PDB file of all heavy atoms in Angstrom:
ATOM      1  N   LEU A   1       0.830  -1.206   0.000  1.00  0.00           N
ATOM      2  CA  LEU A   1       0.000   0.000   0.000  1.00  0.00           C
ATOM      3  C   LEU A   1       0.863   1.255   0.000  1.00  0.00           C
ATOM      4  O   LEU A   1       1.872   1.325   0.704  1.00  0.00           O
ATOM      5  CB  LEU A   1      -0.907   0.027   1.231  1.00  0.00           C
ATOM      6  CG  LEU A   1      -1.972  -1.071   1.322  1.00  0.00           C
ATOM      7  CD1 LEU A   1      -2.709  -0.981   2.657  1.00  0.00           C
ATOM      8  CD2 LEU A   1      -2.959  -0.977   0.162  1.00  0.00           C
ATOM      9  N   VAL A   2       0.441   2.235  -0.801  1.00  0.00           N
ATOM     10  CA  VAL A   2       1.032   3.569  -0.771  1.00  0.00           C
ATOM     11  C   VAL A   2       0.074   4.480  -0.008  1.00  0.00           C
ATOM     12  O   VAL A   2      -1.153   4.382  -0.159  1.00  0.00           O
ATOM     13  CB  VAL A   2       1.300   4.109  -2.198  1.00  0.00           C
ATOM     14  CG1 VAL A   2       0.037   4.155  -3.041  1.00  0.00           C
ATOM     15  CG2 VAL A   2       1.948   5.491  -2.143  1.00  0.00           C
ATOM     16  N   TYR A   3       0.647   5.332   0.846  1.00  0.00           N
ATOM     17  CA  TYR A   3      -0.149   6.210   1.705  1.00  0.00           C
ATOM     18  C   TYR A   3       0.181   7.668   1.407  1.00  0.00           C
ATOM     19  O   TYR A   3       1.350   8.023   1.238  1.00  0.00           O
ATOM     20  CB  TYR A   3       0.157   5.935   3.181  1.00  0.00           C
ATOM     21  CG  TYR A   3      -0.047   4.506   3.614  1.00  0.00           C
ATOM     22  CD1 TYR A   3       0.999   3.581   3.551  1.00  0.00           C
ATOM     23  CD2 TYR A   3      -1.271   4.074   4.113  1.00  0.00           C
ATOM     24  CE1 TYR A   3       0.823   2.268   3.966  1.00  0.00           C
ATOM     25  CE2 TYR A   3      -1.453   2.748   4.533  1.00  0.00           C
ATOM     26  CZ  TYR A   3      -0.400   1.858   4.449  1.00  0.00           C
ATOM     27  OH  TYR A   3      -0.570   0.567   4.861  1.00  0.00           O
ATOM     28  N   TYR A   4      -0.844   8.515   1.397  1.00  0.00           N
ATOM     29  CA  TYR A   4      -0.626   9.947   1.154  1.00  0.00           C
ATOM     30  C   TYR A   4      -1.879  10.710   1.576  1.00  0.00           C
ATOM     31  O   TYR A   4      -2.919  10.099   1.880  1.00  0.00           O
ATOM     32  CB  TYR A   4      -0.326  10.203  -0.333  1.00  0.00           C
ATOM     33  CG  TYR A   4      -1.512   9.939  -1.238  1.00  0.00           C
ATOM     34  CD1 TYR A   4      -2.314  10.976  -1.692  1.00  0.00           C
ATOM     35  CD2 TYR A   4      -1.844   8.642  -1.617  1.00  0.00           C
ATOM     36  CE1 TYR A   4      -3.411  10.730  -2.509  1.00  0.00           C
ATOM     37  CE2 TYR A   4      -2.931   8.386  -2.425  1.00  0.00           C
ATOM     38  CZ  TYR A   4      -3.716   9.431  -2.867  1.00  0.00           C
ATOM     39  OH  TYR A   4      -4.803   9.190  -3.664  1.00  0.00           O
ATOM     40  N   GLY A   5      -1.776  12.039   1.592  1.00  0.00           N
ATOM     41  CA  GLY A   5      -2.911  12.875   1.952  1.00  0.00           C
ATOM     42  C   GLY A   5      -3.312  13.799   0.823  1.00  0.00           C
ATOM     43  O   GLY A   5      -2.501  14.149  -0.032  1.00  0.00           O
ATOM     44  N   THR A   6      -4.591  14.198   0.823  1.00  0.00           N
ATOM     45  CA  THR A   6      -5.096  15.127  -0.189  1.00  0.00           C
ATOM     46  C   THR A   6      -5.322  16.504   0.426  1.00  0.00           C
ATOM     47  O   THR A   6      -5.513  16.637   1.635  1.00  0.00           O
ATOM     48  CB  THR A   6      -6.404  14.620  -0.813  1.00  0.00           C
ATOM     49  OG1 THR A   6      -7.417  14.522   0.200  1.00  0.00           O
ATOM     50  CG2 THR A   6      -6.200  13.252  -1.440  1.00  0.00           C
ATOM     51  N   GLY A   7      -5.318  17.523  -0.428  1.00  0.00           N
ATOM     52  CA  GLY A   7      -5.358  18.913   0.023  1.00  0.00           C
ATOM     53  C   GLY A   7      -6.763  19.462   0.191  1.00  0.00           C
ATOM     54  O   GLY A   7      -7.765  18.745   0.184  1.00  0.00           O
ATOM     55  N   ASN A   8      -6.813  20.785   0.326  1.00  0.00           N
ATOM     56  CA  ASN A   8      -8.061  21.492   0.598  1.00  0.00           C
ATOM     57  C   ASN A   8      -9.010  21.466  -0.597  1.00  0.00           C
ATOM     58  O   ASN A   8      -8.587  21.362  -1.740  1.00  0.00           O
ATOM     59  CB  ASN A   8      -7.775  22.946   0.974  1.00  0.00           C
ATOM     60  CG  ASN A   8      -7.025  23.678  -0.122  1.00  0.00           C
ATOM     61  OD1 ASN A   8      -5.845  23.445  -0.336  1.00  0.00           O
ATOM     62  ND2 ASN A   8      -7.696  24.570  -0.844  1.00  0.00           N
ATOM     63  N   PRO A   9     -10.315  21.569  -0.328  1.00  0.00           N
ATOM     64  CA  PRO A   9     -11.267  21.749  -1.427  1.00  0.00           C
ATOM     65  C   PRO A   9     -11.172  23.168  -1.989  1.00  0.00           C
ATOM     66  O   PRO A   9     -10.740  24.089  -1.297  1.00  0.00           O
ATOM     67  CB  PRO A   9     -12.620  21.504  -0.763  1.00  0.00           C
ATOM     68  CG  PRO A   9     -12.416  21.816   0.680  1.00  0.00           C
ATOM     69  CD  PRO A   9     -10.967  21.514   0.981  1.00  0.00           C
ATOM     70  N   SER A  10     -11.566  23.332  -3.238  1.00  0.00           N
ATOM     71  CA  SER A  10     -11.627  24.660  -3.859  1.00  0.00           C
ATOM     72  C   SER A  10     -13.096  25.086  -3.918  1.00  0.00           C
ATOM     73  O   SER A  10     -13.964  24.295  -4.252  1.00  0.00           O
ATOM     74  CB  SER A  10     -11.075  24.604  -5.282  1.00  0.00           C
ATOM     75  OG  SER A  10      -9.748  24.155  -5.303  1.00  0.00           O
ATOM     76  N   THR A  11     -13.362  26.315  -3.564  1.00  0.00           N
ATOM     77  CA  THR A  11     -12.561  27.456  -3.196  1.00  0.00           C
ATOM     78  C   THR A  11     -12.409  27.519  -1.679  1.00  0.00           C
ATOM     79  O   THR A  11     -13.008  26.725  -0.958  1.00  0.00           O
ATOM     80  CB  THR A  11     -13.204  28.736  -3.725  1.00  0.00           C
ATOM     81  OG1 THR A  11     -13.333  29.769  -2.758  1.00  0.00           O
ATOM     82  CG2 THR A  11     -14.648  28.502  -4.119  1.00  0.00           C
ATOM     83  N   TRP A  12     -11.644  28.539  -1.216  1.00  0.00           N
ATOM     84  CA  TRP A  12     -11.516  28.744   0.227  1.00  0.00           C
ATOM     85  C   TRP A  12     -12.812  29.289   0.845  1.00  0.00           C
ATOM     86  O   TRP A  12     -12.942  29.338   2.060  1.00  0.00           O
ATOM     87  CB  TRP A  12     -10.379  29.723   0.522  1.00  0.00           C
ATOM     88  CG  TRP A  12      -9.005  29.179   0.296  1.00  0.00           C
ATOM     89  CD1 TRP A  12      -8.661  28.030  -0.372  1.00  0.00           C
ATOM     90  CD2 TRP A  12      -7.778  29.769   0.724  1.00  0.00           C
ATOM     91  NE1 TRP A  12      -7.305  27.866  -0.388  1.00  0.00           N
ATOM     92  CE2 TRP A  12      -6.731  28.937   0.279  1.00  0.00           C
ATOM     93  CE3 TRP A  12      -7.459  30.922   1.423  1.00  0.00           C
ATOM     94  CZ2 TRP A  12      -5.394  29.212   0.514  1.00  0.00           C
ATOM     95  CZ3 TRP A  12      -6.122  31.215   1.670  1.00  0.00           C
ATOM     96  CH2 TRP A  12      -5.101  30.365   1.229  1.00  0.00           C
ATOM     97  N   ASN A  13     -13.745  29.725   0.001  1.00  0.00           N
ATOM     98  CA  ASN A  13     -15.042  30.215   0.491  1.00  0.00           C
ATOM     99  C   ASN A  13     -15.990  29.028   0.615  1.00  0.00           C
ATOM    100  O   ASN A  13     -16.514  28.528  -0.386  1.00  0.00           O
ATOM    101  CB  ASN A  13     -15.614  31.248  -0.476  1.00  0.00           C
ATOM    102  CG  ASN A  13     -16.990  31.742  -0.049  1.00  0.00           C
ATOM    103  OD1 ASN A  13     -17.473  31.443   1.043  1.00  0.00           O
ATOM    104  ND2 ASN A  13     -17.650  32.480  -0.928  1.00  0.00           N
ATOM    105  N   PRO A  14     -16.249  28.538   1.839  1.00  0.00           N
ATOM    106  CA  PRO A  14     -17.039  27.309   1.982  1.00  0.00           C
ATOM    107  C   PRO A  14     -18.481  27.452   1.511  1.00  0.00           C
ATOM    108  O   PRO A  14     -19.109  26.453   1.152  1.00  0.00           O
ATOM    109  CB  PRO A  14     -16.956  27.005   3.480  1.00  0.00           C
ATOM    110  CG  PRO A  14     -16.605  28.299   4.134  1.00  0.00           C
ATOM    111  CD  PRO A  14     -15.784  29.063   3.143  1.00  0.00           C
ATOM    112  N   ALA A  15     -19.002  28.679   1.499  1.00  0.00           N
ATOM    113  CA  ALA A  15     -20.396  28.875   1.095  1.00  0.00           C
ATOM    114  C   ALA A  15     -20.647  28.417  -0.341  1.00  0.00           C
ATOM    115  O   ALA A  15     -21.781  28.080  -0.704  1.00  0.00           O
ATOM    116  CB  ALA A  15     -20.776  30.348   1.245  1.00  0.00           C
ATOM    117  N   GLN A  16     -19.588  28.374  -1.160  1.00  0.00           N
ATOM    118  CA  GLN A  16     -19.751  28.012  -2.569  1.00  0.00           C
ATOM    119  C   GLN A  16     -19.673  26.504  -2.815  1.00  0.00           C
ATOM    120  O   GLN A  16     -19.838  26.054  -3.951  1.00  0.00           O
ATOM    121  CB  GLN A  16     -18.692  28.725  -3.409  1.00  0.00           C
ATOM    122  CG  GLN A  16     -18.906  30.227  -3.481  1.00  0.00           C
ATOM    123  CD  GLN A  16     -17.876  30.923  -4.351  1.00  0.00           C
ATOM    124  OE1 GLN A  16     -17.115  31.769  -3.896  1.00  0.00           O
ATOM    125  NE2 GLN A  16     -17.849  30.571  -5.629  1.00  0.00           N
ATOM    126  N   ARG A  17     -19.417  25.714  -1.751  1.00  0.00           N
ATOM    127  CA  ARG A  17     -19.288  24.259  -1.937  1.00  0.00           C
ATOM    128  C   ARG A  17     -19.840  23.514  -0.725  1.00  0.00           C
ATOM    129  O   ARG A  17     -19.119  22.797  -0.028  1.00  0.00           O
ATOM    130  CB  ARG A  17     -17.819  23.875  -2.174  1.00  0.00           C
ATOM    131  CG  ARG A  17     -16.856  24.560  -1.231  1.00  0.00           C
ATOM    132  CD  ARG A  17     -15.451  24.015  -1.298  1.00  0.00           C
ATOM    133  NE  ARG A  17     -14.579  24.768  -0.418  1.00  0.00           N
ATOM    134  CZ  ARG A  17     -14.496  24.619   0.900  1.00  0.00           C
ATOM    135  NH1 ARG A  17     -15.254  23.728   1.503  1.00  0.00           N
ATOM    136  NH2 ARG A  17     -13.660  25.359   1.615  1.00  0.00           N
ATOM    137  N   PRO A  18     -21.146  23.666  -0.445  1.00  0.00           N
ATOM    138  CA  PRO A  18     -21.730  22.987   0.719  1.00  0.00           C
ATOM    139  C   PRO A  18     -21.550  21.469   0.624  1.00  0.00           C
ATOM    140  O   PRO A  18     -21.516  20.900  -0.466  1.00  0.00           O
ATOM    141  CB  PRO A  18     -23.209  23.378   0.644  1.00  0.00           C
ATOM    142  CG  PRO A  18     -23.433  23.812  -0.772  1.00  0.00           C
ATOM    143  CD  PRO A  18     -22.146  24.407  -1.228  1.00  0.00           C
ATOM    144  N   GLY A  19     -21.409  20.844   1.785  1.00  0.00           N
ATOM    145  CA  GLY A  19     -21.210  19.391   1.844  1.00  0.00           C
ATOM    146  C   GLY A  19     -19.863  19.041   2.433  1.00  0.00           C
ATOM    147  O   GLY A  19     -19.031  19.909   2.691  1.00  0.00           O
ATOM    148  N   ASP A  20     -19.606  17.752   2.613  1.00  0.00           N
ATOM    149  CA  ASP A  20     -18.341  17.290   3.203  1.00  0.00           C
ATOM    150  C   ASP A  20     -17.163  17.387   2.235  1.00  0.00           C
ATOM    151  O   ASP A  20     -16.006  17.292   2.650  1.00  0.00           O
ATOM    152  CB  ASP A  20     -18.480  15.842   3.684  1.00  0.00           C
ATOM    153  CG  ASP A  20     -19.092  15.739   5.070  1.00  0.00           C
ATOM    154  OD1 ASP A  20     -19.374  16.795   5.677  1.00  0.00           O
ATOM    155  OD2 ASP A  20     -19.306  14.605   5.538  1.00  0.00           O
ATOM    156  N   ASN A  21     -17.466  17.522   0.922  1.00  0.00           N
ATOM    157  CA  ASN A  21     -16.404  17.653  -0.086  1.00  0.00           C
ATOM    158  C   ASN A  21     -15.425  16.481  -0.053  1.00  0.00           C
ATOM    159  O   ASN A  21     -14.207  16.645  -0.090  1.00  0.00           O
ATOM    160  CB  ASN A  21     -15.641  18.970   0.077  1.00  0.00           C
ATOM    161  CG  ASN A  21     -16.531  20.212   0.092  1.00  0.00           C
ATOM    162  OD1 ASN A  21     -16.267  21.162   0.800  1.00  0.00           O
ATOM    163  ND2 ASN A  21     -17.590  20.194  -0.695  1.00  0.00           N
ATOM    164  N   LYS A  22     -15.962  15.264   0.019  1.00  0.00           N
ATOM    165  CA  LYS A  22     -15.112  14.061  -0.037  1.00  0.00           C
ATOM    166  C   LYS A  22     -14.556  13.878  -1.451  1.00  0.00           C
ATOM    167  O   LYS A  22     -15.212  14.212  -2.417  1.00  0.00           O
ATOM    168  CB  LYS A  22     -15.919  12.819   0.345  1.00  0.00           C
ATOM    169  CG  LYS A  22     -16.298  12.743   1.829  1.00  0.00           C
ATOM    170  CD  LYS A  22     -17.068  11.479   2.126  1.00  0.00           C
ATOM    171  CE  LYS A  22     -17.174  11.174   3.597  1.00  0.00           C
ATOM    172  NZ  LYS A  22     -17.796  12.149   4.435  1.00  0.00           N
ATOM    173  N   TRP A  23     -13.299  13.375  -1.601  1.00  0.00           N
ATOM    174  CA  TRP A  23     -12.371  13.001  -0.549  1.00  0.00           C
ATOM    175  C   TRP A  23     -11.189  13.964  -0.520  1.00  0.00           C
ATOM    176  O   TRP A  23     -10.042  13.561  -0.649  1.00  0.00           O
ATOM    177  CB  TRP A  23     -11.908  11.564  -0.712  1.00  0.00           C
ATOM    178  CG  TRP A  23     -13.026  10.589  -0.532  1.00  0.00           C
ATOM    179  CD1 TRP A  23     -13.765   9.998  -1.502  1.00  0.00           C
ATOM    180  CD2 TRP A  23     -13.531  10.102   0.722  1.00  0.00           C
ATOM    181  NE1 TRP A  23     -14.710   9.169  -0.937  1.00  0.00           N
ATOM    182  CE2 TRP A  23     -14.589   9.213   0.430  1.00  0.00           C
ATOM    183  CE3 TRP A  23     -13.205  10.341   2.061  1.00  0.00           C
ATOM    184  CZ2 TRP A  23     -15.320   8.554   1.421  1.00  0.00           C
ATOM    185  CZ3 TRP A  23     -13.933   9.673   3.039  1.00  0.00           C
ATOM    186  CH2 TRP A  23     -14.972   8.791   2.720  1.00  0.00           C
ATOM    187  N   THR A  24     -11.494  15.265  -0.377  1.00  0.00           N
ATOM    188  CA  THR A  24     -10.443  16.213  -0.031  1.00  0.00           C
ATOM    189  C   THR A  24     -10.086  16.002   1.432  1.00  0.00           C
ATOM    190  O   THR A  24     -10.817  15.345   2.183  1.00  0.00           O
ATOM    191  CB  THR A  24     -10.895  17.666  -0.235  1.00  0.00           C
ATOM    192  OG1 THR A  24     -11.984  17.949   0.674  1.00  0.00           O
ATOM    193  CG2 THR A  24     -11.376  17.911  -1.666  1.00  0.00           C
ATOM    194  N   MET A  25      -8.936  16.521   1.857  1.00  0.00           N
ATOM    195  CA  MET A  25      -8.544  16.482   3.272  1.00  0.00           C
ATOM    196  C   MET A  25      -8.532  15.056   3.824  1.00  0.00           C
ATOM    197  O   MET A  25      -8.952  14.788   4.939  1.00  0.00           O
ATOM    198  CB  MET A  25      -9.500  17.335   4.109  1.00  0.00           C
ATOM    199  CG  MET A  25      -9.726  18.729   3.561  1.00  0.00           C
ATOM    200  SD  MET A  25      -8.200  19.657   3.423  1.00  0.00           S
ATOM    201  CE  MET A  25      -7.712  19.724   5.109  1.00  0.00           C
ATOM    202  N   THR A  26      -8.037  14.127   3.013  1.00  0.00           N
ATOM    203  CA  THR A  26      -8.223  12.708   3.289  1.00  0.00           C
ATOM    204  C   THR A  26      -6.905  11.944   3.245  1.00  0.00           C
ATOM    205  O   THR A  26      -6.040  12.223   2.413  1.00  0.00           O
ATOM    206  CB  THR A  26      -9.201  12.114   2.247  1.00  0.00           C
ATOM    207  OG1 THR A  26     -10.505  12.679   2.444  1.00  0.00           O
ATOM    208  CG2 THR A  26      -9.286  10.600   2.334  1.00  0.00           C
ATOM    209  N   ILE A  27      -6.767  10.958   4.134  1.00  0.00           N
ATOM    210  CA  ILE A  27      -5.678   9.986   4.046  1.00  0.00           C
ATOM    211  C   ILE A  27      -6.146   8.843   3.147  1.00  0.00           C
ATOM    212  O   ILE A  27      -7.205   8.253   3.391  1.00  0.00           O
ATOM    213  CB  ILE A  27      -5.292   9.434   5.428  1.00  0.00           C
ATOM    214  CG1 ILE A  27      -4.856  10.567   6.368  1.00  0.00           C
ATOM    215  CG2 ILE A  27      -4.185   8.389   5.300  1.00  0.00           C
ATOM    216  CD1 ILE A  27      -4.632  10.125   7.809  1.00  0.00           C
ATOM    217  N   PHE A  28      -5.365   8.565   2.112  1.00  0.00           N
ATOM    218  CA  PHE A  28      -5.648   7.451   1.201  1.00  0.00           C
ATOM    219  C   PHE A  28      -4.631   6.333   1.405  1.00  0.00           C
ATOM    220  O   PHE A  28      -3.436   6.603   1.578  1.00  0.00           O
ATOM    221  CB  PHE A  28      -5.531   7.907  -0.257  1.00  0.00           C
ATOM    222  CG  PHE A  28      -6.799   8.428  -0.878  1.00  0.00           C
ATOM    223  CD1 PHE A  28      -7.175   9.758  -0.710  1.00  0.00           C
ATOM    224  CD2 PHE A  28      -7.609   7.597  -1.642  1.00  0.00           C
ATOM    225  CE1 PHE A  28      -8.329  10.251  -1.310  1.00  0.00           C
ATOM    226  CE2 PHE A  28      -8.767   8.076  -2.236  1.00  0.00           C
ATOM    227  CZ  PHE A  28      -9.138   9.412  -2.068  1.00  0.00           C
TER     228      PHE A  28
END
């Protein structure tokens, strides 16, 4: 297994992307 993390969702304004925004901010 290879392990790594993913970055932030786009945009930094959360109002424009309601929801958990999977799988940003995630360990894979």
